[in-house]
Amino acid sequence: MTPDALVDLCLSLPQAIETFPFGEETSVFKTSGNGKIFALAALASEPLTVSLKCDPEESRALREEFPLWITPGYHLNKKHWITVELGGQVPAELVEQLLRDSHALVRPRVPRAKLE
């Protein structure tokens, strides 16, 4: 996955915005509805990595399956975040699903309409 493809995928998700609170070198993707972060990436870094929010049990299983390419979140809560090396052994489809899952964990909840 290229940096441009990563940005396009992140911004294709509902209410997603790109911000730069840590400087121009780190893209932080969050939802505009509540401002919660779902992905962080240093797009110019080599190798390209992305940090994503992840269910703790799934995180553990992913780190066991891909020990060299999925690690605990870099500079983040190690229980709830993972860092994924892109362009390595992690299938692109899995990266896309992990990104969508991360977004789903933080997206604003839409209240159900009251039935009359």
PDB file of N, CA and C in Angstrom:
ATOM      1  N   MET A   1       0.852  -1.183   0.000  1.00  0.00           N
ATOM      2  CA  MET A   1       0.000   0.000   0.000  1.00  0.00           C
ATOM      3  C   MET A   1       0.891   1.238   0.000  1.00  0.00           C
ATOM      4  N   THR A   2       0.549   2.168  -0.848  1.00  0.00           N
ATOM      5  CA  THR A   2       1.314   3.414  -0.944  1.00  0.00           C
ATOM      6  C   THR A   2       0.771   4.438   0.058  1.00  0.00           C
ATOM      7  N   PRO A   3       1.561   5.461   0.361  1.00  0.00           N
ATOM      8  CA  PRO A   3       1.051   6.520   1.238  1.00  0.00           C
ATOM      9  C   PRO A   3      -0.237   7.155   0.709  1.00  0.00           C
ATOM     10  N   ASP A   4      -0.300   7.403  -0.602  1.00  0.00           N
ATOM     11  CA  ASP A   4      -1.506   8.004  -1.188  1.00  0.00           C
ATOM     12  C   ASP A   4      -2.711   7.085  -1.046  1.00  0.00           C
ATOM     13  N   ALA A   5      -2.511   5.777  -1.244  1.00  0.00           N
ATOM     14  CA  ALA A   5      -3.611   4.821  -1.104  1.00  0.00           C
ATOM     15  C   ALA A   5      -4.092   4.767   0.339  1.00  0.00           C
ATOM     16  N   LEU A   6      -3.160   4.853   1.290  1.00  0.00           N
ATOM     17  CA  LEU A   6      -3.536   4.862   2.704  1.00  0.00           C
ATOM     18  C   LEU A   6      -4.375   6.090   3.033  1.00  0.00           C
ATOM     19  N   VAL A   7      -3.944   7.250   2.577  1.00  0.00           N
ATOM     20  CA  VAL A   7      -4.702   8.486   2.819  1.00  0.00           C
ATOM     21  C   VAL A   7      -6.081   8.381   2.186  1.00  0.00           C
ATOM     22  N   ASP A   8      -6.143   7.927   0.938  1.00  0.00           N
ATOM     23  CA  ASP A   8      -7.434   7.808   0.249  1.00  0.00           C
ATOM     24  C   ASP A   8      -8.381   6.875   0.993  1.00  0.00           C
ATOM     25  N   LEU A   9      -7.860   5.740   1.464  1.00  0.00           N
ATOM     26  CA  LEU A   9      -8.698   4.797   2.191  1.00  0.00           C
ATOM     27  C   LEU A   9      -9.199   5.409   3.493  1.00  0.00           C
ATOM     28  N   CYS A  10      -8.309   6.037   4.236  1.00  0.00           N
ATOM     29  CA  CYS A  10      -8.724   6.656   5.508  1.00  0.00           C
ATOM     30  C   CYS A  10      -9.798   7.711   5.283  1.00  0.00           C
ATOM     31  N   LEU A  11      -9.585   8.561   4.290  1.00  0.00           N
ATOM     32  CA  LEU A  11     -10.531   9.657   4.053  1.00  0.00           C
ATOM     33  C   LEU A  11     -11.828   9.195   3.395  1.00  0.00           C
ATOM     34  N   SER A  12     -11.865   7.952   2.911  1.00  0.00           N
ATOM     35  CA  SER A  12     -13.096   7.434   2.318  1.00  0.00           C
ATOM     36  C   SER A  12     -14.098   6.986   3.383  1.00  0.00           C
ATOM     37  N   LEU A  13     -13.641   6.882   4.624  1.00  0.00           N
ATOM     38  CA  LEU A  13     -14.524   6.429   5.706  1.00  0.00           C
ATOM     39  C   LEU A  13     -15.403   7.576   6.188  1.00  0.00           C
ATOM     40  N   PRO A  14     -16.608   7.272   6.677  1.00  0.00           N
ATOM     41  CA  PRO A  14     -17.542   8.328   7.099  1.00  0.00           C
ATOM     42  C   PRO A  14     -16.937   9.257   8.149  1.00  0.00           C
ATOM     43  N   GLN A  15     -17.091  10.547   7.932  1.00  0.00           N
ATOM     44  CA  GLN A  15     -16.680  11.613   8.846  1.00  0.00           C
ATOM     45  C   GLN A  15     -15.174  11.645   9.110  1.00  0.00           C
ATOM     46  N   ALA A  16     -14.377  11.017   8.266  1.00  0.00           N
ATOM     47  CA  ALA A  16     -12.933  10.986   8.482  1.00  0.00           C
ATOM     48  C   ALA A  16     -12.285  12.279   8.020  1.00  0.00           C
ATOM     49  N   ILE A  17     -11.350  12.762   8.828  1.00  0.00           N
ATOM     50  CA  ILE A  17     -10.563  13.942   8.485  1.00  0.00           C
ATOM     51  C   ILE A  17      -9.097  13.656   8.793  1.00  0.00           C
ATOM     52  N   GLU A  18      -8.206  14.377   8.098  1.00  0.00           N
ATOM     53  CA  GLU A  18      -6.773  14.248   8.332  1.00  0.00           C
ATOM     54  C   GLU A  18      -6.302  15.504   9.050  1.00  0.00           C
ATOM     55  N   THR A  19      -5.561  15.316  10.138  1.00  0.00           N
ATOM     56  CA  THR A  19      -5.029  16.438  10.898  1.00  0.00           C
ATOM     57  C   THR A  19      -3.532  16.213  11.125  1.00  0.00           C
ATOM     58  N   PHE A  20      -2.854  17.250  11.632  1.00  0.00           N
ATOM     59  CA  PHE A  20      -1.413  17.177  11.849  1.00  0.00           C
ATOM     60  C   PHE A  20      -1.034  17.759  13.215  1.00  0.00           C
ATOM     61  N   PRO A  21      -1.585  17.216  14.312  1.00  0.00           N
ATOM     62  CA  PRO A  21      -1.300  17.783  15.631  1.00  0.00           C
ATOM     63  C   PRO A  21       0.133  17.553  16.111  1.00  0.00           C
ATOM     64  N   PHE A  22       0.850  16.610  15.514  1.00  0.00           N
ATOM     65  CA  PHE A  22       2.217  16.295  15.927  1.00  0.00           C
ATOM     66  C   PHE A  22       3.257  16.802  14.933  1.00  0.00           C
ATOM     67  N   GLY A  23       2.845  17.663  14.020  1.00  0.00           N
ATOM     68  CA  GLY A  23       3.741  18.180  12.989  1.00  0.00           C
ATOM     69  C   GLY A  23       3.371  17.624  11.630  1.00  0.00           C
ATOM     70  N   GLU A  24       3.941  18.237  10.598  1.00  0.00           N
ATOM     71  CA  GLU A  24       3.593  17.878   9.219  1.00  0.00           C
ATOM     72  C   GLU A  24       3.988  16.462   8.836  1.00  0.00           C
ATOM     73  N   GLU A  25       4.918  15.844   9.569  1.00  0.00           N
ATOM     74  CA  GLU A  25       5.386  14.513   9.185  1.00  0.00           C
ATOM     75  C   GLU A  25       4.460  13.386   9.623  1.00  0.00           C
ATOM     76  N   THR A  26       3.497  13.668  10.518  1.00  0.00           N
ATOM     77  CA  THR A  26       2.603  12.618  11.010  1.00  0.00           C
ATOM     78  C   THR A  26       1.148  12.950  10.694  1.00  0.00           C
ATOM     79  N   SER A  27       0.537  12.124   9.850  1.00  0.00           N
ATOM     80  CA  SER A  27      -0.881  12.277   9.541  1.00  0.00           C
ATOM     81  C   SER A  27      -1.691  11.562  10.610  1.00  0.00           C
ATOM     82  N   VAL A  28      -2.655  12.270  11.161  1.00  0.00           N
ATOM     83  CA  VAL A  28      -3.538  11.709  12.183  1.00  0.00           C
ATOM     84  C   VAL A  28      -4.952  11.751  11.619  1.00  0.00           C
ATOM     85  N   PHE A  29      -5.546  10.575  11.518  1.00  0.00           N
ATOM     86  CA  PHE A  29      -6.896  10.466  10.978  1.00  0.00           C
ATOM     87  C   PHE A  29      -7.869  10.275  12.123  1.00  0.00           C
ATOM     88  N   LYS A  30      -8.900  11.103  12.133  1.00  0.00           N
ATOM     89  CA  LYS A  30      -9.903  11.027  13.198  1.00  0.00           C
ATOM     90  C   LYS A  30     -11.274  11.274  12.620  1.00  0.00           C
ATOM     91  N   THR A  31     -12.282  11.037  13.433  1.00  0.00           N
ATOM     92  CA  THR A  31     -13.644  11.295  12.990  1.00  0.00           C
ATOM     93  C   THR A  31     -14.026  12.719  13.382  1.00  0.00           C
ATOM     94  N   SER A  32     -14.666  13.409  12.477  1.00  0.00           N
ATOM     95  CA  SER A  32     -15.031  14.803  12.730  1.00  0.00           C
ATOM     96  C   SER A  32     -16.144  14.911  13.763  1.00  0.00           C
ATOM     97  N   GLY A  33     -16.960  13.877  13.901  1.00  0.00           N
ATOM     98  CA  GLY A  33     -18.077  13.929  14.836  1.00  0.00           C
ATOM     99  C   GLY A  33     -17.667  13.993  16.296  1.00  0.00           C
ATOM    100  N   ASN A  34     -16.572  13.298  16.650  1.00  0.00           N
ATOM    101  CA  ASN A  34     -16.161  13.288  18.054  1.00  0.00           C
ATOM    102  C   ASN A  34     -14.660  13.522  18.229  1.00  0.00           C
ATOM    103  N   GLY A  35     -13.927  13.635  17.141  1.00  0.00           N
ATOM    104  CA  GLY A  35     -12.506  13.934  17.207  1.00  0.00           C
ATOM    105  C   GLY A  35     -11.625  12.787  17.678  1.00  0.00           C
ATOM    106  N   LYS A  36     -12.163  11.567  17.687  1.00  0.00           N
ATOM    107  CA  LYS A  36     -11.371  10.424  18.144  1.00  0.00           C
ATOM    108  C   LYS A  36     -10.484   9.901  17.020  1.00  0.00           C
ATOM    109  N   ILE A  37      -9.247   9.562  17.372  1.00  0.00           N
ATOM    110  CA  ILE A  37      -8.257   9.081  16.411  1.00  0.00           C
ATOM    111  C   ILE A  37      -8.486   7.603  16.097  1.00  0.00           C
ATOM    112  N   PHE A  38      -8.389   7.262  14.800  1.00  0.00           N
ATOM    113  CA  PHE A  38      -8.468   5.852  14.416  1.00  0.00           C
ATOM    114  C   PHE A  38      -7.222   5.389  13.665  1.00  0.00           C
ATOM    115  N   ALA A  39      -6.370   6.303  13.199  1.00  0.00           N
ATOM    116  CA  ALA A  39      -5.146   5.904  12.504  1.00  0.00           C
ATOM    117  C   ALA A  39      -4.113   7.019  12.577  1.00  0.00           C
ATOM    118  N   LEU A  40      -2.838   6.614  12.691  1.00  0.00           N
ATOM    119  CA  LEU A  40      -1.712   7.545  12.653  1.00  0.00           C
ATOM    120  C   LEU A  40      -0.664   6.962  11.725  1.00  0.00           C
ATOM    121  N   ALA A  41      -0.060   7.821  10.879  1.00  0.00           N
ATOM    122  CA  ALA A  41       0.963   7.334   9.956  1.00  0.00           C
ATOM    123  C   ALA A  41       1.955   8.436   9.635  1.00  0.00           C
ATOM    124  N   ALA A  42       3.240   8.067   9.614  1.00  0.00           N
ATOM    125  CA  ALA A  42       4.287   8.954   9.115  1.00  0.00           C
ATOM    126  C   ALA A  42       4.455   8.585   7.646  1.00  0.00           C
ATOM    127  N   LEU A  43       3.776   9.305   6.771  1.00  0.00           N
ATOM    128  CA  LEU A  43       3.650   8.910   5.372  1.00  0.00           C
ATOM    129  C   LEU A  43       4.969   8.916   4.604  1.00  0.00           C
ATOM    130  N   ALA A  44       5.954   9.658   5.080  1.00  0.00           N
ATOM    131  CA  ALA A  44       7.237   9.710   4.389  1.00  0.00           C
ATOM    132  C   ALA A  44       8.239   8.709   4.951  1.00  0.00           C
ATOM    133  N   SER A  45       7.846   7.954   5.974  1.00  0.00           N
ATOM    134  CA  SER A  45       8.792   7.024   6.600  1.00  0.00           C
ATOM    135  C   SER A  45       8.995   5.776   5.757  1.00  0.00           C
ATOM    136  N   GLU A  46      10.134   5.155   5.938  1.00  0.00           N
ATOM    137  CA  GLU A  46      10.457   3.910   5.253  1.00  0.00           C
ATOM    138  C   GLU A  46      10.897   2.915   6.298  1.00  0.00           C
ATOM    139  N   PRO A  47      10.255   1.818   6.518  1.00  0.00           N
ATOM    140  CA  PRO A  47       9.058   1.389   5.802  1.00  0.00           C
ATOM    141  C   PRO A  47       7.826   2.157   6.288  1.00  0.00           C
ATOM    142  N   LEU A  48       6.822   2.209   5.460  1.00  0.00           N
ATOM    143  CA  LEU A  48       5.567   2.865   5.811  1.00  0.00           C
ATOM    144  C   LEU A  48       4.830   2.016   6.841  1.00  0.00           C
ATOM    145  N   THR A  49       4.430   2.649   7.939  1.00  0.00           N
ATOM    146  CA  THR A  49       3.643   1.967   8.963  1.00  0.00           C
ATOM    147  C   THR A  49       2.411   2.793   9.272  1.00  0.00           C
ATOM    148  N   VAL A  50       1.416   2.122   9.820  1.00  0.00           N
ATOM    149  CA  VAL A  50       0.212   2.798  10.287  1.00  0.00           C
ATOM    150  C   VAL A  50      -0.152   2.206  11.642  1.00  0.00           C
ATOM    151  N   SER A  51      -0.507   3.068  12.571  1.00  0.00           N
ATOM    152  CA  SER A  51      -0.964   2.618  13.890  1.00  0.00           C
ATOM    153  C   SER A  51      -2.481   2.700  13.914  1.00  0.00           C
ATOM    154  N   LEU A  52      -3.106   1.624  14.412  1.00  0.00           N
ATOM    155  CA  LEU A  52      -4.557   1.498  14.382  1.00  0.00           C
ATOM    156  C   LEU A  52      -5.092   1.048  15.730  1.00  0.00           C
ATOM    157  N   LYS A  53      -6.271   1.517  16.070  1.00  0.00           N
ATOM    158  CA  LYS A  53      -6.956   1.038  17.263  1.00  0.00           C
ATOM    159  C   LYS A  53      -7.426  -0.388  16.977  1.00  0.00           C
ATOM    160  N   CYS A  54      -7.366  -1.266  17.995  1.00  0.00           N
ATOM    161  CA  CYS A  54      -7.694  -2.665  17.763  1.00  0.00           C
ATOM    162  C   CYS A  54      -8.204  -3.297  19.053  1.00  0.00           C
ATOM    163  N   ASP A  55      -9.154  -4.203  18.917  1.00  0.00           N
ATOM    164  CA  ASP A  55      -9.637  -4.976  20.044  1.00  0.00           C
ATOM    165  C   ASP A  55      -8.454  -5.723  20.666  1.00  0.00           C
ATOM    166  N   PRO A  56      -8.304  -5.702  21.997  1.00  0.00           N
ATOM    167  CA  PRO A  56      -7.144  -6.335  22.639  1.00  0.00           C
ATOM    168  C   PRO A  56      -6.952  -7.815  22.290  1.00  0.00           C
ATOM    169  N   GLU A  57      -8.014  -8.593  22.226  1.00  0.00           N
ATOM    170  CA  GLU A  57      -7.883 -10.013  21.892  1.00  0.00           C
ATOM    171  C   GLU A  57      -7.435 -10.200  20.442  1.00  0.00           C
ATOM    172  N   GLU A  58      -8.023  -9.431  19.556  1.00  0.00           N
ATOM    173  CA  GLU A  58      -7.634  -9.516  18.150  1.00  0.00           C
ATOM    174  C   GLU A  58      -6.187  -9.048  17.968  1.00  0.00           C
ATOM    175  N   SER A  59      -5.824  -8.012  18.703  1.00  0.00           N
ATOM    176  CA  SER A  59      -4.457  -7.497  18.651  1.00  0.00           C
ATOM    177  C   SER A  59      -3.447  -8.573  19.004  1.00  0.00           C
ATOM    178  N   ARG A  60      -3.709  -9.305  20.045  1.00  0.00           N
ATOM    179  CA  ARG A  60      -2.805 -10.369  20.487  1.00  0.00           C
ATOM    180  C   ARG A  60      -2.678 -11.446  19.398  1.00  0.00           C
ATOM    181  N   ALA A  61      -3.802 -11.852  18.827  1.00  0.00           N
ATOM    182  CA  ALA A  61      -3.788 -12.882  17.786  1.00  0.00           C
ATOM    183  C   ALA A  61      -3.027 -12.398  16.539  1.00  0.00           C
ATOM    184  N   LEU A  62      -3.231 -11.147  16.160  1.00  0.00           N
ATOM    185  CA  LEU A  62      -2.547 -10.602  14.990  1.00  0.00           C
ATOM    186  C   LEU A  62      -1.041 -10.520  15.209  1.00  0.00           C
ATOM    187  N   ARG A  63      -0.632 -10.114  16.407  1.00  0.00           N
ATOM    188  CA  ARG A  63       0.801 -10.022  16.711  1.00  0.00           C
ATOM    189  C   ARG A  63       1.456 -11.402  16.709  1.00  0.00           C
ATOM    190  N   GLU A  64       0.706 -12.425  17.108  1.00  0.00           N
ATOM    191  CA  GLU A  64       1.239 -13.790  17.064  1.00  0.00           C
ATOM    192  C   GLU A  64       1.346 -14.299  15.624  1.00  0.00           C
ATOM    193  N   GLU A  65       0.377 -13.959  14.790  1.00  0.00           N
ATOM    194  CA  GLU A  65       0.377 -14.416  13.405  1.00  0.00           C
ATOM    195  C   GLU A  65       1.412 -13.684  12.543  1.00  0.00           C
ATOM    196  N   PHE A  66       1.608 -12.395  12.807  1.00  0.00           N
ATOM    197  CA  PHE A  66       2.532 -11.563  12.026  1.00  0.00           C
ATOM    198  C   PHE A  66       3.517 -10.852  12.959  1.00  0.00           C
ATOM    199  N   PRO A  67       4.367 -11.596  13.672  1.00  0.00           N
ATOM    200  CA  PRO A  67       5.203 -10.988  14.712  1.00  0.00           C
ATOM    201  C   PRO A  67       6.195  -9.931  14.222  1.00  0.00           C
ATOM    202  N   LEU A  68       6.606  -9.996  12.987  1.00  0.00           N
ATOM    203  CA  LEU A  68       7.555  -9.013  12.470  1.00  0.00           C
ATOM    204  C   LEU A  68       6.883  -7.794  11.857  1.00  0.00           C
ATOM    205  N   TRP A  69       5.614  -7.907  11.522  1.00  0.00           N
ATOM    206  CA  TRP A  69       4.942  -6.842  10.789  1.00  0.00           C
ATOM    207  C   TRP A  69       3.797  -6.185  11.545  1.00  0.00           C
ATOM    208  N   ILE A  70       3.312  -6.819  12.600  1.00  0.00           N
ATOM    209  CA  ILE A  70       2.289  -6.198  13.451  1.00  0.00           C
ATOM    210  C   ILE A  70       2.827  -6.228  14.873  1.00  0.00           C
ATOM    211  N   THR A  71       3.005  -5.045  15.434  1.00  0.00           N
ATOM    212  CA  THR A  71       3.600  -4.899  16.762  1.00  0.00           C
ATOM    213  C   THR A  71       2.683  -4.048  17.643  1.00  0.00           C
ATOM    214  N   PRO A  72       2.939  -4.024  18.960  1.00  0.00           N
ATOM    215  CA  PRO A  72       2.145  -3.132  19.812  1.00  0.00           C
ATOM    216  C   PRO A  72       2.283  -1.691  19.318  1.00  0.00           C
ATOM    217  N   GLY A  73       1.247  -0.898  19.528  1.00  0.00           N
ATOM    218  CA  GLY A  73       1.222   0.478  19.033  1.00  0.00           C
ATOM    219  C   GLY A  73       2.433   1.284  19.445  1.00  0.00           C
ATOM    220  N   TYR A  74       3.103   1.874  18.472  1.00  0.00           N
ATOM    221  CA  TYR A  74       4.294   2.678  18.708  1.00  0.00           C
ATOM    222  C   TYR A  74       3.904   3.984  19.395  1.00  0.00           C
ATOM    223  N   HIS A  75       4.416   4.200  20.581  1.00  0.00           N
ATOM    224  CA  HIS A  75       4.112   5.387  21.401  1.00  0.00           C
ATOM    225  C   HIS A  75       2.620   5.513  21.738  1.00  0.00           C
ATOM    226  N   LEU A  76       1.926   4.377  21.804  1.00  0.00           N
ATOM    227  CA  LEU A  76       0.496   4.371  22.099  1.00  0.00           C
ATOM    228  C   LEU A  76       0.206   3.308  23.151  1.00  0.00           C
ATOM    229  N   ASN A  77      -1.023   3.271  23.620  1.00  0.00           N
ATOM    230  CA  ASN A  77      -1.440   2.249  24.581  1.00  0.00           C
ATOM    231  C   ASN A  77      -1.299   0.882  23.917  1.00  0.00           C
ATOM    232  N   LYS A  78      -0.405   0.070  24.455  1.00  0.00           N
ATOM    233  CA  LYS A  78      -0.072  -1.218  23.837  1.00  0.00           C
ATOM    234  C   LYS A  78      -1.232  -2.212  23.866  1.00  0.00           C
ATOM    235  N   LYS A  79      -2.196  -1.988  24.746  1.00  0.00           N
ATOM    236  CA  LYS A  79      -3.338  -2.895  24.840  1.00  0.00           C
ATOM    237  C   LYS A  79      -4.362  -2.635  23.723  1.00  0.00           C
ATOM    238  N   HIS A  80      -4.513  -1.384  23.336  1.00  0.00           N
ATOM    239  CA  HIS A  80      -5.583  -1.008  22.411  1.00  0.00           C
ATOM    240  C   HIS A  80      -5.114  -0.569  21.027  1.00  0.00           C
ATOM    241  N   TRP A  81      -3.803  -0.536  20.798  1.00  0.00           N
ATOM    242  CA  TRP A  81      -3.284  -0.064  19.517  1.00  0.00           C
ATOM    243  C   TRP A  81      -2.250  -1.036  18.963  1.00  0.00           C
ATOM    244  N   ILE A  82      -2.220  -1.152  17.633  1.00  0.00           N
ATOM    245  CA  ILE A  82      -1.201  -1.932  16.947  1.00  0.00           C
ATOM    246  C   ILE A  82      -0.544  -1.043  15.888  1.00  0.00           C
ATOM    247  N   THR A  83       0.691  -1.377  15.538  1.00  0.00           N
ATOM    248  CA  THR A  83       1.365  -0.723  14.427  1.00  0.00           C
ATOM    249  C   THR A  83       1.619  -1.785  13.368  1.00  0.00           C
ATOM    250  N   VAL A  84       1.186  -1.491  12.149  1.00  0.00           N
ATOM    251  CA  VAL A  84       1.268  -2.435  11.035  1.00  0.00           C
ATOM    252  C   VAL A  84       2.251  -1.897  10.005  1.00  0.00           C
ATOM    253  N   GLU A  85       3.226  -2.736   9.639  1.00  0.00           N
ATOM    254  CA  GLU A  85       4.149  -2.375   8.561  1.00  0.00           C
ATOM    255  C   GLU A  85       3.474  -2.711   7.235  1.00  0.00           C
ATOM    256  N   LEU A  86       3.343  -1.710   6.384  1.00  0.00           N
ATOM    257  CA  LEU A  86       2.672  -1.892   5.103  1.00  0.00           C
ATOM    258  C   LEU A  86       3.681  -2.314   4.038  1.00  0.00           C
ATOM    259  N   GLY A  87       3.217  -3.063   3.067  1.00  0.00           N
ATOM    260  CA  GLY A  87       4.090  -3.503   2.006  1.00  0.00           C
ATOM    261  C   GLY A  87       4.886  -4.743   2.374  1.00  0.00           C
ATOM    262  N   GLY A  88       4.607  -5.317   3.529  1.00  0.00           N
ATOM    263  CA  GLY A  88       5.318  -6.514   3.957  1.00  0.00           C
ATOM    264  C   GLY A  88       4.457  -7.742   3.772  1.00  0.00           C
ATOM    265  N   GLN A  89       4.423  -8.565   4.779  1.00  0.00           N
ATOM    266  CA  GLN A  89       3.726  -9.841   4.702  1.00  0.00           C
ATOM    267  C   GLN A  89       2.246  -9.765   5.085  1.00  0.00           C
ATOM    268  N   VAL A  90       1.790  -8.622   5.550  1.00  0.00           N
ATOM    269  CA  VAL A  90       0.385  -8.480   5.930  1.00  0.00           C
ATOM    270  C   VAL A  90      -0.420  -8.196   4.656  1.00  0.00           C
ATOM    271  N   PRO A  91      -1.378  -9.054   4.322  1.00  0.00           N
ATOM    272  CA  PRO A  91      -2.163  -8.854   3.090  1.00  0.00           C
ATOM    273  C   PRO A  91      -2.885  -7.506   3.091  1.00  0.00           C
ATOM    274  N   ALA A  92      -2.939  -6.878   1.935  1.00  0.00           N
ATOM    275  CA  ALA A  92      -3.586  -5.570   1.799  1.00  0.00           C
ATOM    276  C   ALA A  92      -5.044  -5.623   2.248  1.00  0.00           C
ATOM    277  N   GLU A  93      -5.731  -6.731   1.975  1.00  0.00           N
ATOM    278  CA  GLU A  93      -7.134  -6.856   2.376  1.00  0.00           C
ATOM    279  C   GLU A  93      -7.261  -6.825   3.898  1.00  0.00           C
ATOM    280  N   LEU A  94      -6.314  -7.444   4.593  1.00  0.00           N
ATOM    281  CA  LEU A  94      -6.336  -7.428   6.052  1.00  0.00           C
ATOM    282  C   LEU A  94      -6.065  -6.027   6.575  1.00  0.00           C
ATOM    283  N   VAL A  95      -5.125  -5.320   5.976  1.00  0.00           N
ATOM    284  CA  VAL A  95      -4.830  -3.942   6.387  1.00  0.00           C
ATOM    285  C   VAL A  95      -6.075  -3.080   6.217  1.00  0.00           C
ATOM    286  N   GLU A  96      -6.748  -3.221   5.098  1.00  0.00           N
ATOM    287  CA  GLU A  96      -7.973  -2.446   4.855  1.00  0.00           C
ATOM    288  C   GLU A  96      -9.038  -2.781   5.891  1.00  0.00           C
ATOM    289  N   GLN A  97      -9.197  -4.057   6.220  1.00  0.00           N
ATOM    290  CA  GLN A  97     -10.196  -4.458   7.220  1.00  0.00           C
ATOM    291  C   GLN A  97      -9.822  -3.919   8.598  1.00  0.00           C
ATOM    292  N   LEU A  98      -8.545  -3.973   8.953  1.00  0.00           N
ATOM    293  CA  LEU A  98      -8.105  -3.444  10.251  1.00  0.00           C
ATOM    294  C   LEU A  98      -8.354  -1.945  10.340  1.00  0.00           C
ATOM    295  N   LEU A  99      -8.161  -1.254   9.240  1.00  0.00           N
ATOM    296  CA  LEU A  99      -8.413   0.187   9.206  1.00  0.00           C
ATOM    297  C   LEU A  99      -9.900   0.473   9.385  1.00  0.00           C
ATOM    298  N   ARG A 100     -10.742  -0.280   8.706  1.00  0.00           N
ATOM    299  CA  ARG A 100     -12.191  -0.103   8.849  1.00  0.00           C
ATOM    300  C   ARG A 100     -12.646  -0.454  10.274  1.00  0.00           C
ATOM    301  N   ASP A 101     -12.055  -1.510  10.838  1.00  0.00           N
ATOM    302  CA  ASP A 101     -12.398  -1.900  12.210  1.00  0.00           C
ATOM    303  C   ASP A 101     -11.975  -0.822  13.203  1.00  0.00           C
ATOM    304  N   SER A 102     -10.804  -0.235  12.986  1.00  0.00           N
ATOM    305  CA  SER A 102     -10.331   0.833  13.860  1.00  0.00           C
ATOM    306  C   SER A 102     -11.293   2.017  13.819  1.00  0.00           C
ATOM    307  N   HIS A 103     -11.705   2.373  12.614  1.00  0.00           N
ATOM    308  CA  HIS A 103     -12.670   3.473  12.455  1.00  0.00           C
ATOM    309  C   HIS A 103     -13.979   3.143  13.164  1.00  0.00           C
ATOM    310  N   ALA A 104     -14.428   1.897  13.026  1.00  0.00           N
ATOM    311  CA  ALA A 104     -15.688   1.489  13.655  1.00  0.00           C
ATOM    312  C   ALA A 104     -15.619   1.571  15.178  1.00  0.00           C
ATOM    313  N   LEU A 105     -14.434   1.347  15.746  1.00  0.00           N
ATOM    314  CA  LEU A 105     -14.285   1.412  17.204  1.00  0.00           C
ATOM    315  C   LEU A 105     -14.445   2.829  17.746  1.00  0.00           C
ATOM    316  N   VAL A 106     -14.165   3.839  16.929  1.00  0.00           N
ATOM    317  CA  VAL A 106     -14.199   5.220  17.436  1.00  0.00           C
ATOM    318  C   VAL A 106     -15.277   6.091  16.817  1.00  0.00           C
ATOM    319  N   ARG A 107     -15.926   5.626  15.765  1.00  0.00           N
ATOM    320  CA  ARG A 107     -16.891   6.501  15.077  1.00  0.00           C
ATOM    321  C   ARG A 107     -18.044   6.884  16.011  1.00  0.00           C
ATOM    322  N   PRO A 108     -18.590   8.065  15.787  1.00  0.00           N
ATOM    323  CA  PRO A 108     -19.730   8.494  16.598  1.00  0.00           C
ATOM    324  C   PRO A 108     -20.923   7.564  16.384  1.00  0.00           C
ATOM    325  N   ARG A 109     -21.579   7.264  17.438  1.00  0.00           N
ATOM    326  CA  ARG A 109     -22.770   6.409  17.365  1.00  0.00           C
ATOM    327  C   ARG A 109     -23.963   7.270  16.981  1.00  0.00           C
ATOM    328  N   VAL A 110     -24.739   6.754  16.049  1.00  0.00           N
ATOM    329  CA  VAL A 110     -25.940   7.465  15.627  1.00  0.00           C
ATOM    330  C   VAL A 110     -27.095   6.939  16.479  1.00  0.00           C
ATOM    331  N   PRO A 111     -27.752   7.843  17.235  1.00  0.00           N
ATOM    332  CA  PRO A 111     -28.855   7.368  18.071  1.00  0.00           C
ATOM    333  C   PRO A 111     -30.004   6.843  17.208  1.00  0.00           C
ATOM    334  N   ARG A 112     -30.627   5.814  17.721  1.00  0.00           N
ATOM    335  CA  ARG A 112     -31.781   5.268  17.010  1.00  0.00           C
ATOM    336  C   ARG A 112     -32.936   6.253  17.088  1.00  0.00           C
ATOM    337  N   ALA A 113     -33.677   6.331  16.004  1.00  0.00           N
ATOM    338  CA  ALA A 113     -34.836   7.218  15.981  1.00  0.00           C
ATOM    339  C   ALA A 113     -35.909   6.622  16.905  1.00  0.00           C
ATOM    340  N   LYS A 114     -36.569   7.509  17.623  1.00  0.00           N
ATOM    341  CA  LYS A 114     -37.633   7.038  18.531  1.00  0.00           C
ATOM    342  C   LYS A 114     -38.838   6.608  17.703  1.00  0.00           C
ATOM    343  N   LEU A 115     -39.333   5.477  18.015  1.00  0.00           N
ATOM    344  CA  LEU A 115     -40.529   4.978  17.324  1.00  0.00           C
ATOM    345  C   LEU A 115     -41.762   5.577  17.967  1.00  0.00           C
ATOM    346  N   GLU A 116     -42.680   6.017  17.140  1.00  0.00           N
ATOM    347  CA  GLU A 116     -43.890   6.629  17.682  1.00  0.00           C
ATOM    348  C   GLU A 116     -45.039   5.690  17.603  1.00  0.00           C
TER     349      GLU A 116
END
